[in-house]
Amino acid sequence: MSASTPKTLCTSGQQSIQDICHPLSAEESVRTPSPDVGNTTGSIGEKDLSLPNGTPVDTSSPASSSSLLNRLQLDDDLDGETRDLFVTVDDPKKHVSTMETYITYRVSTKTTRVEFDLPEYSVRRRYQDFDWLRIKLEETQPTHLIPPLPEKFVMKGVVDRFSEEFVETRRKALDKFLKRVADHPVLSFNEHFKVFLSAKDLNAYKKQGLALLTKDKFD
């Protein structure tokens, strides 16, 4: 039996392998359409182009950078309009007494929520008050992640906790903590958080707990 003649890759009436258009080369074919494509006088944007497998090619131009910036600005404006609780931490002050020396921070609040008696509040809080708030949030909202606080303890002789640099770094961290709580859809409605922002005598609330808020209901 004679050996069969080897088959060639390209036979009569078939395309050679170099002429076969691979799908990944579609981008090049779109840039340089073949001469036999109809209506060659029109622009590419006016043609209904498609890949070799039949998938249509989107020739629409992308959005300009200015339109994207305008869209982002609009989103920011809408977000600002929907927010109803704004909190800031600033104006750190040093307090010196016979027992201890500590720093307090001004906590300012603006809100339109009906849960608050006033639209604006300004109270002073020290670090241990922020720490108390975080503990209460963990106790009452165990299914939610509570934002972190900056470290409480510092190594004596290494970091001066009353230096301007340290106090400012801590202020920024405390401000970020309160803002994250204020923007949270659940934590921001916590009763302890409301008292933290509005109570003039937070220590009295700490001692009496929620009974201080509900006292009038039982009188």
Protein backbone atom coordinates (compact mmCIF):
# COMPACT_ATOMS: atom_id res chain seq x y z
CA MET A 1 0.00 0.00 0.00
CA SER A 2 1.46 3.33 -1.07
CA ALA A 3 1.90 6.09 1.52
CA SER A 4 -0.77 8.74 1.38
CA THR A 5 0.18 12.19 0.21
CA PRO A 6 0.57 14.63 3.18
CA LYS A 7 -2.15 17.23 3.41
CA THR A 8 -1.10 20.83 3.12
CA LEU A 9 -2.36 23.66 5.34
CA CYS A 10 -3.56 25.58 2.33
CA THR A 11 -5.38 23.86 -0.55
CA SER A 12 -7.20 25.13 -3.58
CA GLY A 13 -10.24 27.18 -2.67
CA GLN A 14 -9.21 27.63 0.98
CA GLN A 15 -7.66 30.59 2.82
CA SER A 16 -4.08 30.36 3.95
CA ILE A 17 -3.47 30.52 7.68
CA GLN A 18 -1.97 34.00 7.30
CA ASP A 19 -5.28 35.24 5.87
CA ILE A 20 -7.41 33.98 8.74
CA CYS A 21 -8.50 36.91 10.93
CA HIS A 22 -8.08 36.25 14.65
CA PRO A 23 -10.70 37.91 16.95
CA LEU A 24 -7.92 39.66 18.90
CA SER A 25 -6.91 41.46 15.72
CA ALA A 26 -10.38 43.00 15.36
CA GLU A 27 -9.18 46.34 16.69
CA GLU A 28 -6.68 46.60 13.84
CA SER A 29 -9.33 45.65 11.31
CA VAL A 30 -11.62 48.35 12.65
CA ARG A 31 -8.88 50.94 12.24
CA THR A 32 -8.14 49.84 8.66
CA PRO A 33 -11.26 48.38 7.04
CA SER A 34 -10.75 46.26 3.94
CA PRO A 35 -11.21 47.95 0.57
CA ASP A 36 -14.25 45.87 -0.31
CA VAL A 37 -16.29 47.34 2.59
CA GLY A 38 -19.17 49.38 1.19
CA ASN A 39 -19.46 53.12 1.60
CA THR A 40 -15.76 53.72 2.13
CA THR A 41 -16.26 57.46 1.79
CA GLY A 42 -18.11 57.68 5.11
CA SER A 43 -16.39 57.94 8.49
CA ILE A 44 -15.90 54.90 10.69
CA GLY A 45 -18.22 56.40 13.30
CA GLU A 46 -21.04 56.30 10.77
CA LYS A 47 -20.63 52.60 9.89
CA ASP A 48 -22.14 49.60 11.59
CA LEU A 49 -18.90 47.75 12.29
CA SER A 50 -18.71 44.28 13.74
CA LEU A 51 -16.06 41.73 14.72
CA PRO A 52 -15.52 38.59 12.62
CA ASN A 53 -17.63 36.59 15.07
CA GLY A 54 -20.57 38.95 14.53
CA THR A 55 -20.18 41.02 17.75
CA PRO A 56 -21.01 44.68 17.06
CA VAL A 57 -18.31 47.27 17.78
CA ASP A 58 -19.25 50.28 19.90
CA THR A 59 -17.76 53.31 18.17
CA SER A 60 -19.35 55.90 20.41
CA SER A 61 -16.86 58.33 21.95
CA PRO A 62 -16.19 58.12 25.72
CA ALA A 63 -17.46 60.80 28.06
CA SER A 64 -15.17 63.78 28.35
CA SER A 65 -13.25 64.47 31.57
CA SER A 66 -15.23 67.65 32.17
CA SER A 67 -18.54 65.80 32.07
CA LEU A 68 -17.22 63.19 34.52
CA LEU A 69 -16.08 65.93 36.89
CA ASN A 70 -19.48 67.59 36.67
CA ARG A 71 -21.17 64.27 37.44
CA LEU A 72 -18.95 63.69 40.47
CA GLN A 73 -19.63 67.23 41.68
CA LEU A 74 -23.36 66.63 41.34
CA ASP A 75 -23.08 63.42 43.35
CA ASP A 76 -21.22 65.27 46.10
CA ASP A 77 -23.87 67.98 46.21
CA LEU A 78 -26.66 65.44 46.47
CA ASP A 79 -24.82 63.58 49.22
CA GLY A 80 -24.42 66.82 51.16
CA GLU A 81 -28.12 67.53 50.84
CA THR A 82 -29.15 64.11 52.14
CA ARG A 83 -26.86 64.13 55.18
CA ASP A 84 -28.49 65.36 58.38
CA LEU A 85 -25.70 65.02 60.96
CA PHE A 86 -22.37 66.86 60.84
CA VAL A 87 -19.73 66.50 63.56
CA THR A 88 -16.29 68.09 63.97
CA VAL A 89 -13.57 67.83 66.62
CA ASP A 90 -11.31 70.86 67.11
CA ASP A 91 -9.92 73.43 69.60
CA PRO A 92 -7.86 71.19 71.91
CA LYS A 93 -7.19 72.70 75.36
CA LYS A 94 -4.87 71.66 78.15
CA HIS A 95 -6.29 71.41 81.68
CA VAL A 96 -4.03 71.33 84.74
CA SER A 97 -5.30 70.43 88.19
CA THR A 98 -3.80 69.17 91.44
CA MET A 99 -4.84 65.62 90.51
CA GLU A 100 -4.06 65.38 86.82
CA THR A 101 -3.29 67.08 83.54
CA TYR A 102 -5.36 66.30 80.46
CA ILE A 103 -6.54 67.59 77.09
CA THR A 104 -10.14 68.28 76.10
CA TYR A 105 -11.49 68.74 72.58
CA ARG A 106 -14.48 70.71 71.38
CA VAL A 107 -17.10 68.54 69.71
CA SER A 108 -19.44 70.58 67.50
CA THR A 109 -22.62 69.11 66.04
CA LYS A 110 -25.11 70.39 63.49
CA THR A 111 -28.21 68.33 62.74
CA THR A 112 -31.78 68.41 61.50
CA ARG A 113 -32.78 65.14 63.16
CA VAL A 114 -35.90 65.24 65.29
CA GLU A 115 -34.21 63.10 67.94
CA PHE A 116 -32.17 66.14 68.96
CA ASP A 117 -33.75 69.00 70.90
CA LEU A 118 -31.49 71.62 69.28
CA PRO A 119 -30.03 72.04 65.79
CA GLU A 120 -26.53 72.76 67.11
CA TYR A 121 -24.40 71.59 70.04
CA SER A 122 -20.93 72.38 71.32
CA VAL A 123 -19.46 70.31 74.14
CA ARG A 124 -15.98 69.49 75.41
CA ARG A 125 -14.79 65.89 75.64
CA ARG A 126 -11.52 64.26 76.71
CA TYR A 127 -10.03 61.08 75.33
CA GLN A 128 -11.58 58.83 77.98
CA ASP A 129 -15.02 60.07 76.88
CA PHE A 130 -14.35 58.90 73.33
CA ASP A 131 -13.15 55.60 74.72
CA TRP A 132 -16.35 55.28 76.77
CA LEU A 133 -18.44 55.91 73.65
CA ARG A 134 -16.65 53.24 71.66
CA ILE A 135 -17.16 50.69 74.45
CA LYS A 136 -20.88 51.50 74.60
CA LEU A 137 -21.20 51.14 70.83
CA GLU A 138 -19.54 47.74 70.99
CA GLU A 139 -21.89 46.64 73.78
CA THR A 140 -25.11 47.87 72.19
CA GLN A 141 -24.27 47.21 68.49
CA PRO A 142 -22.41 43.87 68.59
CA THR A 143 -23.23 43.04 64.96
CA HIS A 144 -21.58 46.18 63.58
CA LEU A 145 -17.92 47.06 63.14
CA ILE A 146 -17.01 50.03 65.33
CA PRO A 147 -14.45 52.49 63.93
CA PRO A 148 -11.09 52.44 65.74
CA LEU A 149 -9.71 55.04 68.13
CA PRO A 150 -6.09 56.19 68.33
CA GLU A 151 -3.95 54.43 70.91
CA LYS A 152 -4.51 55.66 74.46
CA PHE A 153 -1.15 54.93 76.01
CA VAL A 154 2.18 56.36 74.91
CA MET A 155 5.68 55.56 76.12
CA LYS A 156 6.86 58.14 78.62
CA GLY A 157 10.10 59.78 77.61
CA VAL A 158 9.57 58.81 73.97
CA VAL A 159 6.44 60.77 73.06
CA ASP A 160 5.23 63.93 74.78
CA ARG A 161 1.46 63.49 74.86
CA PHE A 162 1.01 67.21 75.52
CA SER A 163 3.08 68.38 72.57
CA GLU A 164 1.28 70.29 69.81
CA GLU A 165 2.19 67.65 67.23
CA PHE A 166 0.86 64.74 69.30
CA VAL A 167 -2.33 66.58 70.30
CA GLU A 168 -3.06 67.55 66.69
CA THR A 169 -2.48 64.00 65.47
CA ARG A 170 -4.88 62.69 68.11
CA ARG A 171 -7.45 65.38 67.30
CA LYS A 172 -7.50 64.33 63.64
CA ALA A 173 -7.96 60.69 64.62
CA LEU A 174 -10.81 61.52 67.02
CA ASP A 175 -12.46 63.69 64.36
CA LYS A 176 -12.28 60.83 61.87
CA PHE A 177 -13.73 58.43 64.43
CA LEU A 178 -16.78 60.62 65.10
CA LYS A 179 -17.36 61.35 61.43
CA ARG A 180 -17.40 57.64 60.60
CA VAL A 181 -19.91 57.00 63.38
CA ALA A 182 -22.03 59.99 62.31
CA ASP A 183 -22.16 58.71 58.70
CA HIS A 184 -23.12 55.18 59.73
CA PRO A 185 -26.82 54.37 59.07
CA VAL A 186 -27.15 52.47 62.37
CA LEU A 187 -24.45 53.67 64.76
CA SER A 188 -25.39 57.32 64.25
CA PHE A 189 -28.82 56.63 65.82
CA ASN A 190 -27.36 55.02 68.92
CA GLU A 191 -28.64 56.64 72.12
CA HIS A 192 -25.18 56.78 73.69
CA PHE A 193 -23.84 58.59 70.64
CA LYS A 194 -26.61 61.17 70.88
CA VAL A 195 -25.81 61.81 74.55
CA PHE A 196 -22.08 62.03 73.78
CA LEU A 197 -22.79 64.80 71.26
CA SER A 198 -25.33 66.76 73.28
CA ALA A 199 -25.02 66.22 77.05
CA LYS A 200 -23.36 69.02 79.00
CA ASP A 201 -22.64 66.70 81.94
CA LEU A 202 -21.54 63.45 80.40
CA ASN A 203 -20.19 62.13 83.69
CA ALA A 204 -23.67 62.22 85.21
CA TYR A 205 -24.97 60.17 82.30
CA LYS A 206 -22.14 57.69 82.70
CA LYS A 207 -23.16 57.11 86.32
CA GLN A 208 -26.88 56.81 85.72
CA GLY A 209 -26.91 55.35 82.24
CA LEU A 210 -30.07 55.37 80.14
CA ALA A 211 -32.13 55.90 83.31
CA LEU A 212 -31.13 59.54 83.08
CA LEU A 213 -32.88 59.82 79.71
CA THR A 214 -36.01 57.89 80.64
CA LYS A 215 -36.54 59.49 84.06
CA ASP A 216 -39.19 61.92 82.80
CA LYS A 217 -41.23 59.05 81.34
CA PHE A 218 -41.80 57.54 84.79
CA ASP A 219 -42.36 60.77 86.81
